[in-house]
Amino acid sequence: MRTQRWALRAGVWIGAMAVAMQAVAREAAPREVRFVTESFPPYTHAAAGRAVGPMVDVVQEACARLAWRCAIEVLPWRRALSMAQRAEVDAIFPIIDSPERRQYFHISRPVVEGRYEFFVRAGNALRYTGDARVLEGRVIGAYGPSSTALTLEALIEGVPGARSEIEPDNRTVLRKLSAGRYGEGGVALANEAVAQLLIREHGLTQLQAAGTVKSFGYSFALSRQRLDLPTALAFAGALHELCRSGRTAELFKPYGLAPSPCLR
């Protein structure tokens, strides 16, 4: 009970501080904040030469509340992440919070929920329920460098004969799985929403889900070298307002995506 009360007070304090810092940021807002992202539907992608998608919409509305001028560029993920870590841009998304990422970034609270899911070809009897030993002797494809790949590597560590194949994008992973390129017992690990969209778009109807590995939330990450803590808190305050007002949920609903819980 004491822990719950502390967590509630901490959440209220963080929310109040973020809103207060938002007011400060309006007085000294950066002239322009440059975000980078990747083509990662349904969360974000490029259309007609510009970034679009629900997470893009959230950024744009948060920036409007702060009176920031925000530019969003869609790049290959390796390049985008490298630029962000070298502080060549101000911010990047989508990001999953981790100690490694916090070395480089101020990371927001999650704004949208997701899951990592195993996929197999029809007829493959694999069903993952939490025991990684079912992956023994299997080749598992995943997109990387990414949190998906890191999750997979940690999961199969010590599992005899389990081997990962890291691919440049999720489409390649699913197409290779569908074509049997990972072997008779091949498996893929992917973001569920991304995979289901690709399966529909490319007619990969012989693929099926085989068990959830992990639930998580996607966040925004602001460069520690380029943007100070008050600026990061201001952005957090704008995200908080969008969530509490229900606007974030409205932006995600057409895509079938679930927003992360709001701070209370």
Protein backbone atom coordinates (compact mmCIF):
# COMPACT_ATOMS: atom_id res chain seq x y z
CA MET A 1 0.00 0.00 0.00
CA ARG A 2 2.84 2.37 0.88
CA THR A 3 4.45 1.63 -2.50
CA GLN A 4 1.16 2.34 -4.30
CA ARG A 5 0.77 5.68 -2.48
CA TRP A 6 4.35 6.61 -3.35
CA ALA A 7 3.82 5.70 -7.03
CA LEU A 8 0.61 7.76 -7.13
CA ARG A 9 2.31 10.80 -5.57
CA ALA A 10 5.29 10.39 -7.93
CA GLY A 11 2.97 10.27 -10.92
CA VAL A 12 1.12 13.41 -9.83
CA TRP A 13 4.43 15.22 -9.17
CA ILE A 14 5.90 14.24 -12.53
CA GLY A 15 2.75 15.30 -14.33
CA ALA A 16 2.65 18.65 -12.50
CA MET A 17 6.34 19.29 -13.16
CA ALA A 18 5.99 18.46 -16.83
CA VAL A 19 3.06 20.86 -17.25
CA ALA A 20 4.96 23.59 -15.39
CA MET A 21 8.04 23.13 -17.55
CA GLN A 22 5.83 23.32 -20.63
CA ALA A 23 4.96 26.89 -19.69
CA VAL A 24 8.66 27.69 -19.30
CA ALA A 25 9.44 26.19 -22.69
CA ARG A 26 6.84 28.40 -24.38
CA GLU A 27 8.87 31.41 -23.27
CA ALA A 28 12.13 30.05 -24.66
CA ALA A 29 11.08 27.44 -27.18
CA PRO A 30 13.68 26.01 -29.55
CA ARG A 31 13.41 27.61 -32.98
CA GLU A 32 13.09 24.17 -34.52
CA VAL A 33 13.22 20.61 -33.23
CA ARG A 34 14.27 18.00 -35.76
CA PHE A 35 12.82 14.51 -35.31
CA VAL A 36 13.80 11.41 -37.26
CA THR A 37 11.79 8.24 -37.60
CA GLU A 38 11.57 5.22 -39.88
CA SER A 39 9.04 3.68 -42.22
CA PHE A 40 7.30 1.54 -39.61
CA PRO A 41 3.58 1.27 -40.38
CA PRO A 42 1.13 1.41 -38.77
CA TYR A 43 3.03 3.71 -36.36
CA THR A 44 4.81 5.92 -38.88
CA HIS A 45 5.77 5.96 -42.56
CA ALA A 46 6.38 8.27 -45.51
CA ALA A 47 3.70 9.35 -47.99
CA ALA A 48 4.03 11.97 -50.70
CA GLY A 49 7.44 12.93 -49.37
CA ARG A 50 6.44 13.54 -45.77
CA ALA A 51 6.12 11.65 -42.52
CA VAL A 52 2.63 10.42 -41.63
CA GLY A 53 1.01 8.09 -39.14
CA PRO A 54 -0.42 8.23 -35.61
CA MET A 55 2.89 8.82 -33.80
CA VAL A 56 3.67 11.60 -36.28
CA ASP A 57 0.29 13.15 -35.48
CA VAL A 58 1.07 13.02 -31.76
CA VAL A 59 4.41 14.79 -32.32
CA GLN A 60 2.80 17.49 -34.43
CA GLU A 61 0.07 18.19 -31.88
CA ALA A 62 2.56 18.25 -28.99
CA CYS A 63 4.76 20.68 -30.91
CA ALA A 64 1.77 22.89 -31.70
CA ARG A 65 0.91 23.08 -27.98
CA LEU A 66 4.49 24.15 -27.26
CA ALA A 67 4.68 26.59 -30.18
CA TRP A 68 7.68 24.64 -31.49
CA ARG A 69 8.48 24.28 -35.17
CA CYS A 70 9.07 20.56 -35.57
CA ALA A 71 10.45 18.84 -38.65
CA ILE A 72 10.05 15.07 -39.02
CA GLU A 73 12.16 13.08 -41.49
CA VAL A 74 11.69 9.42 -42.41
CA LEU A 75 15.01 7.58 -42.77
CA PRO A 76 16.29 4.00 -42.69
CA TRP A 77 16.36 3.00 -39.02
CA ARG A 78 20.10 2.31 -38.79
CA ARG A 79 20.86 5.77 -40.13
CA ALA A 80 18.22 7.48 -37.99
CA LEU A 81 19.42 5.82 -34.78
CA SER A 82 23.06 6.52 -35.56
CA MET A 83 22.31 10.20 -36.22
CA ALA A 84 20.32 10.50 -33.02
CA GLN A 85 23.00 8.83 -30.91
CA ARG A 86 25.64 11.15 -32.41
CA ALA A 87 23.40 14.14 -31.59
CA GLU A 88 23.08 15.13 -35.23
CA VAL A 89 19.30 15.47 -34.76
CA ASP A 90 17.17 16.48 -31.78
CA ALA A 91 14.88 13.49 -31.34
CA ILE A 92 13.87 10.06 -32.60
CA PHE A 93 10.88 7.73 -32.43
CA PRO A 94 9.54 5.13 -31.93
CA ILE A 95 11.83 4.02 -29.09
CA ILE A 96 11.44 1.42 -26.34
CA ASP A 97 12.87 2.66 -23.05
CA SER A 98 16.01 0.88 -21.85
CA PRO A 99 19.09 1.71 -19.74
CA GLU A 100 21.22 1.70 -22.90
CA ARG A 101 18.96 4.20 -24.64
CA ARG A 102 18.84 6.48 -21.57
CA GLN A 103 22.57 7.10 -21.95
CA TYR A 104 21.77 9.09 -25.08
CA PHE A 105 18.20 10.30 -24.63
CA HIS A 106 15.55 11.82 -22.42
CA ILE A 107 12.85 9.20 -23.01
CA SER A 108 9.17 10.03 -22.66
CA ARG A 109 6.60 7.82 -21.02
CA PRO A 110 5.15 5.32 -23.52
CA VAL A 111 2.35 6.65 -25.71
CA VAL A 112 1.21 3.47 -27.50
CA GLU A 113 1.09 -0.19 -26.52
CA GLY A 114 2.55 -3.06 -28.53
CA ARG A 115 3.51 -6.73 -28.33
CA TYR A 116 6.26 -8.93 -29.67
CA GLU A 117 4.76 -12.03 -31.19
CA PHE A 118 6.20 -15.20 -32.69
CA PHE A 119 4.98 -16.12 -36.18
CA VAL A 120 5.28 -19.47 -37.99
CA ARG A 121 4.10 -21.06 -41.23
CA ALA A 122 0.79 -22.90 -41.26
CA GLY A 123 1.36 -26.48 -40.13
CA ASN A 124 4.13 -25.56 -37.71
CA ALA A 125 2.93 -26.80 -34.32
CA LEU A 126 5.08 -24.39 -32.30
CA ARG A 127 3.21 -22.62 -29.52
CA TYR A 128 5.21 -20.33 -27.25
CA THR A 129 3.79 -19.92 -23.74
CA GLY A 130 6.86 -18.62 -21.93
CA ASP A 131 9.27 -21.55 -22.14
CA ALA A 132 12.12 -20.70 -24.52
CA ARG A 133 13.14 -24.35 -24.76
CA VAL A 134 10.49 -24.81 -27.49
CA LEU A 135 12.88 -22.81 -29.71
CA GLU A 136 15.62 -25.43 -29.45
CA GLY A 137 17.21 -26.11 -32.84
CA ARG A 138 15.18 -23.44 -34.62
CA VAL A 139 16.19 -20.46 -36.76
CA ILE A 140 14.35 -17.29 -35.74
CA GLY A 141 14.26 -14.21 -37.97
CA ALA A 142 13.95 -10.70 -36.56
CA TYR A 143 14.40 -7.12 -37.69
CA GLY A 144 17.42 -5.25 -36.38
CA PRO A 145 19.18 -3.43 -34.99
CA SER A 146 16.13 -3.02 -32.81
CA SER A 147 14.59 -3.86 -29.47
CA THR A 148 13.01 -6.85 -31.23
CA ALA A 149 16.45 -8.25 -32.00
CA LEU A 150 17.71 -7.54 -28.47
CA THR A 151 14.67 -9.29 -27.01
CA LEU A 152 15.25 -12.31 -29.21
CA GLU A 153 18.95 -12.58 -28.39
CA ALA A 154 18.22 -12.47 -24.66
CA LEU A 155 15.44 -15.04 -25.02
CA ILE A 156 17.46 -17.67 -26.89
CA GLU A 157 20.67 -17.29 -24.91
CA GLY A 158 21.58 -20.76 -23.70
CA VAL A 159 18.89 -22.50 -25.78
CA PRO A 160 20.67 -25.35 -27.64
CA GLY A 161 20.72 -24.92 -31.40
CA ALA A 162 18.53 -21.79 -31.43
CA ARG A 163 19.92 -19.21 -33.86
CA SER A 164 18.81 -15.72 -34.83
CA GLU A 165 18.95 -14.20 -38.29
CA ILE A 166 18.77 -10.41 -38.17
CA GLU A 167 17.23 -8.78 -41.25
CA PRO A 168 17.07 -5.14 -42.45
CA ASP A 169 13.27 -4.88 -42.12
CA ASN A 170 10.17 -6.75 -41.00
CA ARG A 171 8.96 -7.33 -44.55
CA THR A 172 12.11 -9.31 -45.32
CA VAL A 173 11.65 -11.34 -42.13
CA LEU A 174 8.08 -12.33 -42.96
CA ARG A 175 8.73 -13.00 -46.64
CA LYS A 176 11.68 -15.27 -45.81
CA LEU A 177 9.60 -17.08 -43.21
CA SER A 178 6.77 -17.53 -45.73
CA ALA A 179 9.21 -18.91 -48.33
CA GLY A 180 10.68 -21.40 -45.86
CA ARG A 181 14.06 -19.69 -45.82
CA TYR A 182 14.44 -20.27 -42.07
CA GLY A 183 13.95 -23.99 -42.45
CA GLU A 184 11.07 -26.37 -41.81
CA GLY A 185 10.68 -25.23 -38.20
CA GLY A 186 11.49 -21.59 -38.88
CA VAL A 187 10.09 -18.82 -36.73
CA ALA A 188 9.90 -15.02 -36.85
CA LEU A 189 9.68 -12.54 -33.99
CA ALA A 190 7.99 -9.25 -34.83
CA ASN A 191 5.83 -6.45 -33.54
CA GLU A 192 2.31 -7.86 -33.76
CA ALA A 193 0.64 -4.80 -35.31
CA VAL A 194 3.42 -4.35 -37.87
CA ALA A 195 3.41 -8.05 -38.81
CA GLN A 196 -0.36 -8.30 -39.17
CA LEU A 197 -0.38 -5.26 -41.45
CA LEU A 198 2.38 -6.71 -43.63
CA ILE A 199 0.65 -10.10 -43.76
CA ARG A 200 -2.53 -8.44 -45.07
CA GLU A 201 -0.74 -6.14 -47.53
CA HIS A 202 1.46 -8.86 -49.04
CA GLY A 203 -0.99 -11.76 -48.91
CA LEU A 204 1.14 -13.85 -46.57
CA THR A 205 -1.93 -15.73 -45.42
CA GLN A 206 -0.01 -18.93 -44.64
CA LEU A 207 1.62 -17.25 -41.64
CA GLN A 208 0.07 -17.47 -38.19
CA ALA A 209 0.79 -16.15 -34.70
CA ALA A 210 2.43 -18.60 -32.30
CA GLY A 211 2.58 -16.84 -28.95
CA THR A 212 3.29 -13.50 -27.28
CA VAL A 213 6.81 -12.91 -25.98
CA LYS A 214 6.55 -9.45 -24.46
CA SER A 215 4.28 -6.43 -24.10
CA PHE A 216 5.82 -2.95 -24.24
CA GLY A 217 5.21 0.69 -25.04
CA TYR A 218 6.73 2.98 -27.67
CA SER A 219 8.09 6.35 -26.60
CA PHE A 220 9.75 9.46 -27.99
CA ALA A 221 13.45 10.10 -27.29
CA LEU A 222 15.05 13.56 -27.11
CA SER A 223 18.82 13.96 -27.40
CA ARG A 224 20.51 14.70 -24.06
CA GLN A 225 23.28 16.58 -25.86
CA ARG A 226 20.99 18.85 -27.85
CA LEU A 227 17.96 19.38 -25.60
CA ASP A 228 18.09 20.06 -21.87
CA LEU A 229 15.91 18.57 -19.13
CA PRO A 230 13.42 21.50 -18.98
CA THR A 231 12.80 21.10 -22.72
CA ALA A 232 12.30 17.34 -22.32
CA LEU A 233 9.89 17.93 -19.42
CA ALA A 234 8.00 20.45 -21.51
CA PHE A 235 7.54 17.87 -24.25
CA ALA A 236 6.46 15.34 -21.62
CA GLY A 237 3.89 17.84 -20.39
CA ALA A 238 2.43 18.26 -23.86
CA LEU A 239 2.18 14.48 -24.26
CA HIS A 240 0.52 14.27 -20.85
CA GLU A 241 -2.13 16.82 -21.85
CA LEU A 242 -2.86 14.99 -25.10
CA CYS A 243 -3.28 11.71 -23.24
CA ARG A 244 -5.46 13.09 -20.44
CA SER A 245 -7.69 14.92 -22.90
CA GLY A 246 -8.31 11.72 -24.87
CA ARG A 247 -6.71 13.17 -27.98
CA THR A 248 -3.98 10.51 -28.13
CA ALA A 249 -6.61 7.76 -28.08
CA GLU A 250 -8.48 9.51 -30.90
CA LEU A 251 -5.34 9.61 -33.04
CA PHE A 252 -4.60 5.91 -32.52
CA LYS A 253 -8.14 4.56 -32.85
CA PRO A 254 -8.34 4.50 -36.69
CA TYR A 255 -5.20 2.35 -36.73
CA GLY A 256 -6.48 -0.14 -34.18
CA LEU A 257 -3.71 0.81 -31.76
CA ALA A 258 -4.08 1.07 -27.99
CA PRO A 259 -2.69 4.16 -26.21
CA SER A 260 -0.56 3.66 -23.13
CA PRO A 261 -2.13 4.55 -19.76
CA CYS A 262 -1.99 8.25 -18.86
CA LEU A 263 -0.30 9.65 -15.79
CA ARG A 264 -2.82 10.44 -13.09
